[in-house]
Amino acid sequence: MIPAMQDHGFTLLRSGCEHVYTDDELRRKLARSAAAGRPLRVKLGMDPTAPDIHLGHCVQLSKMRQFQDLGHTAVLIIGDFTAMIGDPTGRSKTRPVLTADEIRANAQTYMAQAGRVLDVRPERLEVRHNSEWLSKMDFADVVKLAGKMTVGQMLKRDDFRNRFESETPISVHELLYPLVQGWDSVNIRADVELGGTDQTYNNLVGRDLQSDAGMEPQVVMILPLLRGTDGEKKMSKSLGNTIAVQDSPRDMFGRTMSIPDSLLEEWFRLLTGVPAEEARALIREHPMKAKQRLAVAVGARFHGAAAMEEAAQWWRSKFDPRLRETESIVVRVPGEEIADGAIQAWKLAWLAHEGEISRSEARRMVEGGAFEFDGQKITDPNKPLPVREGAPFRAGRHRKGERVKQPLMAIISLESA
């Protein structure tokens, strides 16, 4: 049932958005929806270019869930056809084209993963594959669609313009992507489309194409992008800075604990329901406790609070030096050992043992499987590892004289050695 209090619905749905095109249109659509008893159709497209859904996707999925909880219909577009083009957004070069088999393999687990956030009841969720309509288009249809936009309009996109000005190749098929994404909105008759800040241009193309087709244009709701565990770039599988919704409780907790403190407020705001003032106060007074609370809150929606509390106890027993003072150390990484924000695995193992082992022994330690970083076993001694304050790792066994202790637990410090 669509709620009668449309003002309340608008306030909730508007919260957390960077931009809405437009607020007035959203208010009108919500009011008409209530009066007619017709749920709004809320579109979110996801290209299966990688097999995992990560926390970055959850910002938009959570907004879609808010619409569902207010009685509206979520329309999840699995971009099995657009994935063959490859979204050029943010790209400095043409993305390699995926095969149909690769796309099918990646898409297989999407529903189970999205179901960790969305209400998957048939009356609340409609799942569509855009190959349903795009694969039926012949060349004349493609030419007709391409005629709806000029090259000049396409070059208003920052990534296209920058590549054009730097004489970096832009494939013609990439120019079709915004049109194809917009054509999805026409075919499913979207009332609202959700997207990240990097999707604004593509989403607005959908409004233009709907108007051209005689439809009322969709409302576009733009949500912020979640920065990944590196603390710099948006969370992206290709950048290796993700936490997947299918990660185990321990992995999810450990990886959240490895993020830089500069991300805490952002992650609390985008991934949890913790009030902003409460989160800021906790971050200000005790960043480590704040990070542990964040890690539990982030993982609880996927695994439950009990599982995340167990993961917290596991992490503290292994990596919190206050609880394992005799076995945990703080390893200070000199600036000269850091290259592009990372340090090779063997160097970190060597630094942790403070000259008790040789460089070649440190390499063998990693190759032999006796080195873990952020809960992940590392066997490549040359693998670059992100240097972040407080990042946990373990390195073989701690030797002192002839006495052998338990595996050495450590955390990184960025202070000068």
Protein backbone atom coordinates (compact mmCIF):
# COMPACT_ATOMS: atom_id res chain seq x y z
CA MET A 1 0.00 0.00 0.00
CA ILE A 2 1.33 3.43 -0.92
CA PRO A 3 1.60 5.59 2.21
CA ALA A 4 -0.72 8.55 2.57
CA MET A 5 1.95 10.81 4.07
CA GLN A 6 3.72 11.79 0.89
CA ASP A 7 5.76 14.52 2.57
CA HIS A 8 7.27 11.90 4.83
CA GLY A 9 8.00 9.69 1.86
CA PHE A 10 9.65 12.54 -0.02
CA THR A 11 11.86 13.51 2.93
CA LEU A 12 13.06 9.94 3.39
CA LEU A 13 13.70 9.35 -0.30
CA ARG A 14 15.40 12.71 -0.83
CA SER A 15 17.78 12.19 2.06
CA GLY A 16 21.33 11.23 1.12
CA CYS A 17 20.98 12.25 -2.55
CA GLU A 18 23.53 14.54 -4.17
CA HIS A 19 21.03 15.81 -6.76
CA VAL A 20 17.46 15.13 -7.83
CA TYR A 21 16.18 16.07 -11.30
CA THR A 22 13.85 17.38 -10.08
CA ASP A 23 12.48 17.67 -6.51
CA ASP A 24 9.16 19.07 -7.73
CA GLU A 25 8.72 16.22 -10.22
CA LEU A 26 9.41 13.67 -7.50
CA ARG A 27 6.80 15.27 -5.22
CA ARG A 28 4.23 15.22 -8.03
CA LYS A 29 4.95 11.61 -8.95
CA LEU A 30 4.64 10.50 -5.33
CA ALA A 31 1.35 12.38 -4.92
CA ARG A 32 -0.15 10.95 -8.12
CA SER A 33 1.05 7.49 -7.18
CA ALA A 34 -0.79 7.71 -3.86
CA ALA A 35 -3.95 9.07 -5.46
CA ALA A 36 -4.06 6.42 -8.19
CA GLY A 37 -2.80 3.54 -6.06
CA ARG A 38 -0.13 2.83 -8.68
CA PRO A 39 3.38 2.15 -7.41
CA LEU A 40 6.22 4.03 -9.04
CA ARG A 41 8.62 2.00 -11.17
CA VAL A 42 12.12 2.65 -9.81
CA LYS A 43 14.97 1.64 -12.10
CA LEU A 44 18.52 0.68 -11.25
CA GLY A 45 20.83 -0.79 -13.86
CA MET A 46 23.81 -3.03 -13.08
CA ASP A 47 26.19 -4.38 -15.71
CA PRO A 48 27.61 -7.82 -14.80
CA THR A 49 31.18 -6.88 -15.68
CA ALA A 50 32.42 -8.62 -12.50
CA PRO A 51 30.86 -11.45 -10.45
CA ASP A 52 30.62 -9.63 -7.12
CA ILE A 53 28.29 -6.95 -5.81
CA HIS A 54 30.19 -4.80 -3.33
CA LEU A 55 29.41 -2.19 -0.70
CA GLY A 56 29.61 0.58 -3.28
CA HIS A 57 26.58 -0.91 -5.05
CA CYS A 58 24.73 -1.01 -1.75
CA VAL A 59 24.40 2.80 -1.58
CA GLN A 60 22.02 2.70 -4.54
CA LEU A 61 20.45 -0.63 -3.62
CA SER A 62 19.61 0.75 -0.18
CA LYS A 63 17.82 3.74 -1.72
CA MET A 64 15.89 1.33 -3.92
CA ARG A 65 14.93 -0.64 -0.81
CA GLN A 66 13.52 2.56 0.72
CA PHE A 67 11.24 2.89 -2.29
CA GLN A 68 10.17 -0.74 -1.88
CA ASP A 69 9.40 -0.26 1.81
CA LEU A 70 7.15 2.65 0.81
CA GLY A 71 5.22 0.35 -1.51
CA HIS A 72 6.89 1.04 -4.86
CA THR A 73 8.27 -1.42 -7.42
CA ALA A 74 12.00 -1.90 -7.87
CA VAL A 75 13.03 -2.69 -11.44
CA LEU A 76 16.54 -4.12 -11.47
CA ILE A 77 18.06 -4.09 -14.94
CA ILE A 78 20.75 -6.71 -15.46
CA GLY A 79 22.75 -5.18 -18.29
CA ASP A 80 23.72 -8.39 -20.03
CA PHE A 81 23.65 -6.59 -23.39
CA THR A 82 25.24 -3.30 -22.30
CA ALA A 83 28.02 -5.24 -20.56
CA MET A 84 29.18 -6.32 -24.01
CA ILE A 85 29.69 -2.63 -24.83
CA GLY A 86 31.29 -1.80 -21.49
CA ASP A 87 30.39 1.34 -19.56
CA PRO A 88 33.01 3.95 -20.55
CA THR A 89 32.27 6.08 -17.48
CA GLY A 90 35.49 7.21 -15.82
CA ARG A 91 37.62 5.30 -18.30
CA SER A 92 40.81 6.71 -19.75
CA LYS A 93 40.85 4.04 -22.45
CA THR A 94 38.47 1.65 -24.16
CA ARG A 95 37.34 -1.17 -21.90
CA PRO A 96 37.96 -4.71 -23.18
CA VAL A 97 34.73 -6.23 -24.49
CA LEU A 98 33.43 -9.18 -22.46
CA THR A 99 32.19 -12.36 -24.09
CA ALA A 100 28.61 -13.56 -23.69
CA ASP A 101 29.85 -16.51 -21.58
CA GLU A 102 31.76 -14.19 -19.24
CA ILE A 103 28.70 -11.99 -18.82
CA ARG A 104 26.39 -14.94 -18.10
CA ALA A 105 28.81 -16.30 -15.52
CA ASN A 106 29.03 -12.94 -13.76
CA ALA A 107 25.26 -12.41 -13.80
CA GLN A 108 24.40 -15.78 -12.27
CA THR A 109 24.96 -14.71 -8.68
CA TYR A 110 23.64 -11.15 -8.97
CA MET A 111 20.12 -11.93 -7.78
CA ALA A 112 21.24 -13.78 -4.66
CA GLN A 113 23.60 -10.94 -3.81
CA ALA A 114 21.13 -8.12 -4.51
CA GLY A 115 18.61 -10.03 -2.38
CA ARG A 116 20.75 -9.30 0.66
CA VAL A 117 19.56 -5.69 0.37
CA LEU A 118 16.37 -5.70 -1.71
CA ASP A 119 12.93 -7.14 -0.98
CA VAL A 120 12.83 -9.95 -3.56
CA ARG A 121 9.11 -10.69 -3.35
CA PRO A 122 7.62 -10.67 -6.89
CA GLU A 123 5.24 -7.84 -6.03
CA ARG A 124 8.17 -5.67 -4.95
CA LEU A 125 10.93 -6.60 -7.41
CA GLU A 126 10.96 -6.92 -11.18
CA VAL A 127 14.16 -8.24 -12.73
CA ARG A 128 14.80 -7.56 -16.39
CA HIS A 129 17.69 -8.24 -18.75
CA ASN A 130 18.19 -5.50 -21.33
CA SER A 131 18.99 -8.08 -23.98
CA GLU A 132 15.19 -8.58 -24.04
CA TRP A 133 14.79 -5.47 -26.19
CA LEU A 134 18.30 -4.52 -27.29
CA SER A 135 19.14 -7.84 -28.95
CA LYS A 136 16.03 -7.49 -31.12
CA MET A 137 17.14 -4.19 -32.65
CA ASP A 138 18.37 -4.34 -36.25
CA PHE A 139 20.91 -1.97 -37.78
CA ALA A 140 18.20 0.45 -38.90
CA ASP A 141 16.97 0.67 -35.30
CA VAL A 142 20.49 1.41 -34.06
CA VAL A 143 20.97 4.15 -36.66
CA LYS A 144 17.62 5.69 -35.70
CA LEU A 145 18.57 5.65 -32.02
CA ALA A 146 22.02 7.11 -32.74
CA GLY A 147 20.32 9.96 -34.59
CA LYS A 148 18.74 11.19 -31.37
CA MET A 149 22.01 12.70 -30.11
CA THR A 150 24.87 14.68 -31.59
CA VAL A 151 28.60 14.14 -31.16
CA GLY A 152 28.73 17.58 -29.54
CA GLN A 153 26.25 16.46 -26.90
CA MET A 154 28.30 13.35 -26.23
CA LEU A 155 31.46 15.39 -25.76
CA LYS A 156 29.82 17.23 -22.88
CA ARG A 157 30.66 14.15 -20.86
CA ASP A 158 33.90 14.82 -19.00
CA ASP A 159 35.50 11.45 -19.73
CA PHE A 160 34.72 11.62 -23.46
CA ARG A 161 35.85 15.25 -23.71
CA ASN A 162 39.10 14.59 -21.85
CA ARG A 163 39.92 11.61 -24.01
CA PHE A 164 39.07 13.53 -27.18
CA GLU A 165 41.23 16.51 -26.20
CA SER A 166 44.17 14.28 -25.26
CA GLU A 167 43.77 12.34 -28.53
CA THR A 168 43.11 9.14 -26.58
CA PRO A 169 41.06 6.74 -28.74
CA ILE A 170 37.29 6.61 -28.24
CA SER A 171 35.59 3.69 -29.95
CA VAL A 172 32.32 4.49 -31.72
CA HIS A 173 30.50 1.77 -29.80
CA GLU A 174 31.31 3.59 -26.53
CA LEU A 175 29.34 6.60 -27.74
CA LEU A 176 26.29 4.34 -27.96
CA TYR A 177 26.38 3.43 -24.28
CA PRO A 178 24.48 6.44 -22.87
CA LEU A 179 21.84 6.03 -25.57
CA VAL A 180 21.43 2.34 -24.88
CA GLN A 181 21.15 2.93 -21.13
CA GLY A 182 18.55 5.61 -21.77
CA TRP A 183 16.67 3.27 -24.10
CA ASP A 184 16.29 0.88 -21.17
CA SER A 185 14.27 3.57 -19.36
CA VAL A 186 11.96 3.89 -22.37
CA ASN A 187 11.37 0.15 -22.59
CA ILE A 188 10.56 -0.41 -18.91
CA ARG A 189 8.69 2.91 -18.59
CA ALA A 190 10.74 4.02 -15.58
CA ASP A 191 9.27 6.67 -13.27
CA VAL A 192 12.54 7.08 -11.36
CA GLU A 193 16.13 6.11 -12.10
CA LEU A 194 18.84 5.81 -9.46
CA GLY A 195 22.51 6.34 -10.22
CA GLY A 196 25.85 7.41 -8.82
CA THR A 197 27.41 10.79 -9.51
CA ASP A 198 29.40 9.25 -12.35
CA GLN A 199 26.14 8.19 -14.05
CA THR A 200 24.44 11.60 -14.14
CA TYR A 201 24.92 12.14 -17.87
CA ASN A 202 23.64 8.67 -18.79
CA ASN A 203 20.60 8.98 -16.52
CA LEU A 204 19.66 12.36 -17.98
CA VAL A 205 19.82 10.89 -21.50
CA GLY A 206 17.05 8.57 -20.36
CA ARG A 207 14.88 11.61 -19.57
CA ASP A 208 15.47 13.02 -23.06
CA LEU A 209 14.65 9.74 -24.80
CA GLN A 210 11.47 9.29 -22.79
CA SER A 211 10.31 12.81 -23.67
CA ASP A 212 11.09 12.10 -27.34
CA ALA A 213 8.94 8.95 -27.08
CA GLY A 214 6.01 10.92 -25.67
CA MET A 215 6.47 9.71 -22.09
CA GLU A 216 6.72 11.72 -18.91
CA PRO A 217 10.46 11.86 -18.18
CA GLN A 218 11.83 9.87 -15.28
CA VAL A 219 13.03 11.53 -12.12
CA VAL A 220 16.80 11.07 -11.81
CA MET A 221 18.14 10.63 -8.28
CA ILE A 222 21.92 10.90 -8.00
CA LEU A 223 23.64 9.30 -5.02
CA PRO A 224 27.22 9.78 -3.82
CA LEU A 225 29.93 7.30 -4.72
CA LEU A 226 31.48 5.28 -1.92
CA ARG A 227 35.26 5.51 -1.83
CA GLY A 228 36.96 2.14 -1.58
CA THR A 229 39.25 0.70 1.07
CA ASP A 230 42.21 2.63 -0.37
CA GLY A 231 40.52 5.84 0.80
CA GLU A 232 40.97 7.53 -2.58
CA LYS A 233 39.09 6.18 -5.59
CA LYS A 234 35.50 4.97 -5.84
CA MET A 235 34.96 1.37 -4.81
CA SER A 236 35.55 -0.74 -7.90
CA LYS A 237 36.38 -4.38 -8.47
CA SER A 238 38.90 -3.42 -11.13
CA LEU A 239 40.78 -1.30 -8.58
CA GLY A 240 40.87 -4.05 -5.94
CA ASN A 241 39.51 -1.74 -3.24
CA THR A 242 36.19 -3.48 -2.59
CA ILE A 243 34.39 -5.37 0.14
CA ALA A 244 31.95 -7.81 -1.45
CA VAL A 245 28.53 -8.48 0.06
CA GLN A 246 29.40 -12.19 -0.06
CA ASP A 247 32.58 -11.82 1.98
CA SER A 248 32.63 -13.79 5.22
CA PRO A 249 31.97 -11.94 8.50
CA ARG A 250 35.66 -12.09 9.43
CA ASP A 251 36.82 -10.85 6.03
CA MET A 252 34.23 -8.08 6.04
CA PHE A 253 35.22 -6.99 9.54
CA GLY A 254 38.96 -7.17 8.88
CA ARG A 255 38.78 -5.26 5.62
CA THR A 256 36.63 -2.56 7.17
CA MET A 257 39.18 -2.22 9.97
CA SER A 258 41.87 -1.57 7.36
CA ILE A 259 40.27 1.56 5.89
CA PRO A 260 41.91 4.91 6.66
CA ASP A 261 40.32 7.02 9.39
CA SER A 262 39.48 9.65 6.78
CA LEU A 263 36.74 7.34 5.45
CA LEU A 264 34.95 6.76 8.75
CA GLU A 265 32.38 9.55 8.58
CA GLU A 266 31.63 8.84 4.91
CA TRP A 267 31.12 5.12 5.50
CA PHE A 268 28.95 5.69 8.58
CA ARG A 269 26.78 8.08 6.55
CA LEU A 270 26.44 5.96 3.41
CA LEU A 271 26.38 2.43 4.83
CA THR A 272 24.77 2.59 8.29
CA GLY A 273 21.86 4.11 10.12
CA VAL A 274 24.01 5.49 12.93
CA PRO A 275 23.02 9.15 13.51
CA ALA A 276 25.60 11.56 12.07
CA GLU A 277 26.27 13.43 15.32
CA GLU A 278 26.73 10.19 17.22
CA ALA A 279 29.15 8.88 14.61
CA ARG A 280 31.15 12.12 14.54
CA ALA A 281 31.44 12.18 18.33
CA LEU A 282 32.68 8.58 18.43
CA ILE A 283 35.19 9.23 15.64
CA ARG A 284 36.48 12.32 17.41
CA GLU A 285 36.83 10.62 20.79
CA HIS A 286 38.05 7.17 19.80
CA PRO A 287 38.66 6.38 16.10
CA MET A 288 39.53 2.71 16.75
CA LYS A 289 36.28 2.07 18.62
CA ALA A 290 34.43 3.96 15.92
CA LYS A 291 35.96 1.75 13.26
CA GLN A 292 35.01 -1.42 15.13
CA ARG A 293 31.43 -0.21 15.51
CA LEU A 294 31.36 0.64 11.81
CA ALA A 295 32.64 -2.81 10.87
CA VAL A 296 29.93 -4.51 12.93
CA ALA A 297 27.19 -2.23 11.57
CA VAL A 298 28.27 -2.69 7.95
CA GLY A 299 28.36 -6.47 8.17
CA ALA A 300 25.24 -6.95 10.32
CA ARG A 301 22.86 -6.35 7.41
CA PHE A 302 24.43 -9.26 5.53
CA HIS A 303 25.38 -11.68 8.31
CA GLY A 304 23.48 -10.57 11.43
CA ALA A 305 24.77 -8.81 14.52
CA ALA A 306 25.78 -12.02 16.32
CA ALA A 307 28.07 -13.16 13.50
CA MET A 308 29.70 -9.73 13.30
CA GLU A 309 30.27 -9.57 17.06
CA GLU A 310 32.02 -12.93 16.82
CA ALA A 311 34.14 -11.54 13.97
CA ALA A 312 34.98 -8.53 16.13
CA GLN A 313 36.15 -10.77 18.97
CA TRP A 314 38.22 -12.81 16.50
CA TRP A 315 39.86 -9.69 15.08
CA ARG A 316 40.63 -8.24 18.50
CA SER A 317 42.18 -11.49 19.67
CA LYS A 318 44.50 -11.53 16.68
CA PHE A 319 45.25 -7.93 15.87
CA ASP A 320 44.49 -5.60 18.76
CA PRO A 321 47.86 -5.00 20.49
CA ARG A 322 46.10 -3.90 23.67
CA LEU A 323 44.71 -7.42 24.02
CA ARG A 324 47.86 -9.28 22.89
CA GLU A 325 50.65 -7.08 24.11
CA THR A 326 53.13 -9.98 24.31
CA GLU A 327 52.47 -11.13 20.76
CA SER A 328 51.40 -8.04 18.79
CA ILE A 329 53.68 -5.26 17.68
CA VAL A 330 53.41 -1.97 15.82
CA VAL A 331 55.56 -1.97 12.69
CA ARG A 332 56.74 1.46 11.64
CA VAL A 333 57.12 1.68 7.87
CA PRO A 334 59.77 4.19 6.69
CA GLY A 335 58.66 6.51 3.95
CA GLU A 336 61.51 5.41 1.68
CA GLU A 337 60.10 1.87 1.63
CA ILE A 338 56.76 3.09 0.25
CA ALA A 339 56.16 3.38 -3.50
CA ASP A 340 52.82 4.62 -4.84
CA GLY A 341 51.25 4.11 -1.42
CA ALA A 342 52.30 0.46 -1.18
CA ILE A 343 55.06 -1.77 0.13
CA GLN A 344 56.12 -5.18 -1.13
CA ALA A 345 55.00 -8.10 1.02
CA TRP A 346 58.51 -9.38 1.74
CA LYS A 347 59.66 -5.95 2.94
CA LEU A 348 56.79 -5.76 5.40
CA ALA A 349 57.62 -9.23 6.72
CA TRP A 350 61.28 -8.24 7.02
CA LEU A 351 60.47 -4.99 8.86
CA ALA A 352 58.23 -6.86 11.27
CA HIS A 353 61.10 -9.09 12.37
CA GLU A 354 63.41 -6.15 13.06
CA GLY A 355 66.57 -7.63 11.58
CA GLU A 356 66.09 -11.12 13.08
CA ILE A 357 65.73 -12.58 9.61
CA SER A 358 67.46 -11.83 6.34
CA ARG A 359 65.77 -10.38 3.27
CA SER A 360 65.92 -13.76 1.53
CA GLU A 361 64.35 -15.42 4.58
CA ALA A 362 61.57 -12.84 4.46
CA ARG A 363 60.95 -13.74 0.82
CA ARG A 364 60.85 -17.45 1.64
CA MET A 365 58.48 -16.77 4.55
CA VAL A 366 55.96 -15.18 2.19
CA GLU A 367 56.40 -17.81 -0.53
CA GLY A 368 55.89 -20.53 2.07
CA GLY A 369 52.44 -19.24 3.03
CA ALA A 370 53.44 -17.82 6.43
CA PHE A 371 52.31 -14.28 5.67
CA GLU A 372 48.81 -12.76 5.82
CA PHE A 373 47.72 -9.19 5.15
CA ASP A 374 44.29 -7.92 6.15
CA GLY A 375 43.14 -11.52 6.72
CA GLN A 376 44.29 -12.70 3.28
CA LYS A 377 47.16 -15.15 2.74
CA ILE A 378 49.84 -13.67 0.47
CA THR A 379 52.34 -15.93 -1.30
CA ASP A 380 53.84 -13.49 -3.81
CA PRO A 381 56.75 -11.75 -2.02
CA ASN A 382 56.69 -8.86 -4.51
CA LYS A 383 52.97 -8.17 -4.21
CA PRO A 384 52.40 -4.45 -3.42
CA LEU A 385 50.30 -4.02 -0.29
CA PRO A 386 48.53 -0.73 0.54
CA VAL A 387 50.20 1.04 3.44
CA ARG A 388 47.41 2.21 5.75
CA GLU A 389 47.58 3.24 9.37
CA GLY A 390 46.41 0.37 11.57
CA ALA A 391 46.30 -2.24 8.78
CA PRO A 392 46.68 -5.71 10.42
CA PHE A 393 49.00 -8.47 9.24
CA ARG A 394 50.86 -11.53 10.49
CA ALA A 395 54.31 -12.64 9.50
CA GLY A 396 55.58 -16.14 10.25
CA ARG A 397 56.79 -16.73 13.78
CA HIS A 398 58.49 -14.32 16.12
CA ARG A 399 61.96 -15.58 17.10
CA LYS A 400 64.09 -14.31 19.92
CA GLY A 401 67.28 -16.24 20.46
CA GLU A 402 66.43 -19.93 20.36
CA ARG A 403 62.90 -19.45 21.67
CA VAL A 404 60.02 -19.68 19.15
CA LYS A 405 56.86 -17.73 19.94
CA GLN A 406 53.41 -17.79 18.37
CA PRO A 407 52.78 -16.28 14.91
CA LEU A 408 53.71 -12.62 14.98
CA MET A 409 50.68 -10.31 14.92
CA ALA A 410 51.27 -6.72 13.88
CA ILE A 411 49.67 -3.50 12.72
CA ILE A 412 51.17 -0.83 10.47
CA SER A 413 52.22 2.60 11.69
CA LEU A 414 53.12 5.34 9.22
CA GLU A 415 55.51 7.03 11.64
CA SER A 416 59.11 7.27 10.53
CA ALA A 417 61.26 4.34 11.55
